[in-house]
Amino acid sequence: MDVDADTHCTIQQYLKLIQKRASGELLTTASWIRQQIINHPEYKKDSIVSERINYDLLKICKEIQDGERQCPELLGQGNNSKTKDNIPPAIQKHLTIANACT
């Protein structure tokens, strides 16, 4: 694969995640959601997801997304991407100059 090292590392992590989910080592998102609902104290085993259950589920999802809560049963251990969210200053400068010329 002809990609930089950071991208290669990120792709490898995604492939490992998919492999672990396929093997049953990690929960799928659907299984995890079902587990959260079934284990909620307000769930009455009547297939009804109340507003409170839904709110609590979304709150947990947001905490996981924001890195405030770990969820190894869903995401595994230590899945930190090396890919950067920002563009390095040298590349940004080049893009600015290139765009100014067009």
C-alpha atoms as a PDB file:
ATOM      1  CA  MET A   1       0.000   0.000   0.000  1.00  0.00           C
ATOM      2  CA  ASP A   2       1.489   3.343  -1.038  1.00  0.00           C
ATOM      3  CA  VAL A   3       0.555   5.599   1.901  1.00  0.00           C
ATOM      4  CA  ASP A   4       2.442   7.459   4.612  1.00  0.00           C
ATOM      5  CA  ALA A   5       3.246   5.695   7.890  1.00  0.00           C
ATOM      6  CA  ASP A   6       0.527   7.463   9.896  1.00  0.00           C
ATOM      7  CA  THR A   7      -2.182   6.510   7.410  1.00  0.00           C
ATOM      8  CA  HIS A   8      -0.885   2.935   7.251  1.00  0.00           C
ATOM      9  CA  CYS A   9      -1.009   2.686  11.055  1.00  0.00           C
ATOM     10  CA  THR A  10      -4.579   4.018  11.140  1.00  0.00           C
ATOM     11  CA  ILE A  11      -5.728   1.572   8.448  1.00  0.00           C
ATOM     12  CA  GLN A  12      -4.106  -1.315  10.339  1.00  0.00           C
ATOM     13  CA  GLN A  13      -5.938  -0.314  13.518  1.00  0.00           C
ATOM     14  CA  TYR A  14      -9.275  -0.250  11.661  1.00  0.00           C
ATOM     15  CA  LEU A  15      -8.590  -3.673  10.161  1.00  0.00           C
ATOM     16  CA  LYS A  16      -7.749  -5.091  13.605  1.00  0.00           C
ATOM     17  CA  LEU A  17     -10.960  -3.580  14.998  1.00  0.00           C
ATOM     18  CA  ILE A  18     -13.027  -5.181  12.217  1.00  0.00           C
ATOM     19  CA  GLN A  19     -11.260  -8.515  12.747  1.00  0.00           C
ATOM     20  CA  LYS A  20     -11.951  -8.460  16.504  1.00  0.00           C
ATOM     21  CA  ARG A  21     -15.608  -7.606  15.939  1.00  0.00           C
ATOM     22  CA  ALA A  22     -15.991 -10.344  13.331  1.00  0.00           C
ATOM     23  CA  SER A  23     -14.427 -12.906  15.687  1.00  0.00           C
ATOM     24  CA  GLY A  24     -16.670 -11.857  18.579  1.00  0.00           C
ATOM     25  CA  GLU A  25     -13.742 -10.639  20.671  1.00  0.00           C
ATOM     26  CA  LEU A  26     -15.326  -7.150  20.650  1.00  0.00           C
ATOM     27  CA  LEU A  27     -18.997  -6.230  20.635  1.00  0.00           C
ATOM     28  CA  THR A  28     -20.558  -4.779  17.517  1.00  0.00           C
ATOM     29  CA  THR A  29     -22.155  -1.366  17.946  1.00  0.00           C
ATOM     30  CA  ALA A  30     -25.644  -2.913  17.800  1.00  0.00           C
ATOM     31  CA  SER A  31     -24.763  -5.508  20.463  1.00  0.00           C
ATOM     32  CA  TRP A  32     -23.260  -2.830  22.679  1.00  0.00           C
ATOM     33  CA  ILE A  33     -26.378  -0.634  22.387  1.00  0.00           C
ATOM     34  CA  ARG A  34     -28.637  -3.600  23.211  1.00  0.00           C
ATOM     35  CA  GLN A  35     -26.469  -4.409  26.227  1.00  0.00           C
ATOM     36  CA  GLN A  36     -26.648  -0.807  27.468  1.00  0.00           C
ATOM     37  CA  ILE A  37     -30.445  -0.761  27.177  1.00  0.00           C
ATOM     38  CA  ILE A  38     -31.001  -4.193  28.749  1.00  0.00           C
ATOM     39  CA  ASN A  39     -28.749  -3.310  31.709  1.00  0.00           C
ATOM     40  CA  HIS A  40     -30.314   0.122  32.295  1.00  0.00           C
ATOM     41  CA  PRO A  41     -32.078   0.271  35.688  1.00  0.00           C
ATOM     42  CA  GLU A  42     -35.266   1.717  34.139  1.00  0.00           C
ATOM     43  CA  TYR A  43     -35.599  -0.899  31.381  1.00  0.00           C
ATOM     44  CA  LYS A  44     -38.661  -3.082  32.053  1.00  0.00           C
ATOM     45  CA  LYS A  45     -37.953  -5.800  29.471  1.00  0.00           C
ATOM     46  CA  ASP A  46     -40.933  -4.586  27.450  1.00  0.00           C
ATOM     47  CA  SER A  47     -39.022  -3.483  24.311  1.00  0.00           C
ATOM     48  CA  ILE A  48     -39.739   0.165  25.125  1.00  0.00           C
ATOM     49  CA  VAL A  49     -36.780   2.526  25.242  1.00  0.00           C
ATOM     50  CA  SER A  50     -37.895   5.420  27.416  1.00  0.00           C
ATOM     51  CA  GLU A  51     -36.660   8.981  27.034  1.00  0.00           C
ATOM     52  CA  ARG A  52     -34.477   8.507  30.117  1.00  0.00           C
ATOM     53  CA  ILE A  53     -32.852   5.344  28.743  1.00  0.00           C
ATOM     54  CA  ASN A  54     -32.296   7.057  25.397  1.00  0.00           C
ATOM     55  CA  TYR A  55     -30.813  10.132  27.093  1.00  0.00           C
ATOM     56  CA  ASP A  56     -28.455   8.039  29.214  1.00  0.00           C
ATOM     57  CA  LEU A  57     -27.370   6.026  26.160  1.00  0.00           C
ATOM     58  CA  LEU A  58     -26.628   9.167  24.138  1.00  0.00           C
ATOM     59  CA  LYS A  59     -24.764  10.677  27.086  1.00  0.00           C
ATOM     60  CA  ILE A  60     -22.525   7.601  27.291  1.00  0.00           C
ATOM     61  CA  CYS A  61     -21.935   7.727  23.516  1.00  0.00           C
ATOM     62  CA  LYS A  62     -20.915  11.391  23.750  1.00  0.00           C
ATOM     63  CA  GLU A  63     -18.537  10.669  26.637  1.00  0.00           C
ATOM     64  CA  ILE A  64     -16.907   7.877  24.617  1.00  0.00           C
ATOM     65  CA  GLN A  65     -16.636  10.126  21.556  1.00  0.00           C
ATOM     66  CA  ASP A  66     -15.081  12.944  23.592  1.00  0.00           C
ATOM     67  CA  GLY A  67     -12.569  10.582  25.231  1.00  0.00           C
ATOM     68  CA  GLU A  68     -14.098  11.093  28.682  1.00  0.00           C
ATOM     69  CA  ARG A  69     -15.082   7.423  29.019  1.00  0.00           C
ATOM     70  CA  GLN A  70     -13.226   4.283  27.988  1.00  0.00           C
ATOM     71  CA  CYS A  71     -15.172   1.483  26.335  1.00  0.00           C
ATOM     72  CA  PRO A  72     -12.819  -1.471  25.791  1.00  0.00           C
ATOM     73  CA  GLU A  73     -15.677  -3.935  25.165  1.00  0.00           C
ATOM     74  CA  LEU A  74     -16.608  -1.892  22.083  1.00  0.00           C
ATOM     75  CA  LEU A  75     -13.323  -0.316  20.951  1.00  0.00           C
ATOM     76  CA  GLY A  76     -10.634  -2.555  22.417  1.00  0.00           C
ATOM     77  CA  GLN A  77      -7.587  -1.356  24.317  1.00  0.00           C
ATOM     78  CA  GLY A  78      -5.289   1.477  23.286  1.00  0.00           C
ATOM     79  CA  ASN A  79      -6.763   2.447  19.933  1.00  0.00           C
ATOM     80  CA  ASN A  80      -5.107   5.804  19.433  1.00  0.00           C
ATOM     81  CA  SER A  81      -4.583   6.962  15.894  1.00  0.00           C
ATOM     82  CA  LYS A  82      -1.277   8.514  14.969  1.00  0.00           C
ATOM     83  CA  THR A  83      -2.980  10.462  12.219  1.00  0.00           C
ATOM     84  CA  LYS A  84      -3.082  14.166  12.994  1.00  0.00           C
ATOM     85  CA  ASP A  85      -6.274  16.200  12.732  1.00  0.00           C
ATOM     86  CA  ASN A  86      -4.439  19.366  11.775  1.00  0.00           C
ATOM     87  CA  ILE A  87      -2.334  20.182   8.731  1.00  0.00           C
ATOM     88  CA  PRO A  88       1.372  20.742   9.542  1.00  0.00           C
ATOM     89  CA  PRO A  89       2.420  24.431   9.247  1.00  0.00           C
ATOM     90  CA  ALA A  90       4.803  23.777   6.328  1.00  0.00           C
ATOM     91  CA  ILE A  91       2.057  22.094   4.292  1.00  0.00           C
ATOM     92  CA  GLN A  92      -0.441  24.823   5.224  1.00  0.00           C
ATOM     93  CA  LYS A  93       2.031  27.493   4.045  1.00  0.00           C
ATOM     94  CA  HIS A  94       2.534  25.649   0.759  1.00  0.00           C
ATOM     95  CA  LEU A  95      -1.229  25.356   0.226  1.00  0.00           C
ATOM     96  CA  THR A  96      -1.702  29.063   0.953  1.00  0.00           C
ATOM     97  CA  ILE A  97       0.976  30.015  -1.581  1.00  0.00           C
ATOM     98  CA  ALA A  98      -0.344  27.556  -4.171  1.00  0.00           C
ATOM     99  CA  ASN A  99      -3.905  28.855  -3.782  1.00  0.00           C
ATOM    100  CA  ALA A 100      -2.716  32.461  -4.107  1.00  0.00           C
ATOM    101  CA  CYS A 101      -1.180  31.631  -7.496  1.00  0.00           C
ATOM    102  CA  THR A 102      -4.426  30.293  -8.976  1.00  0.00           C
END
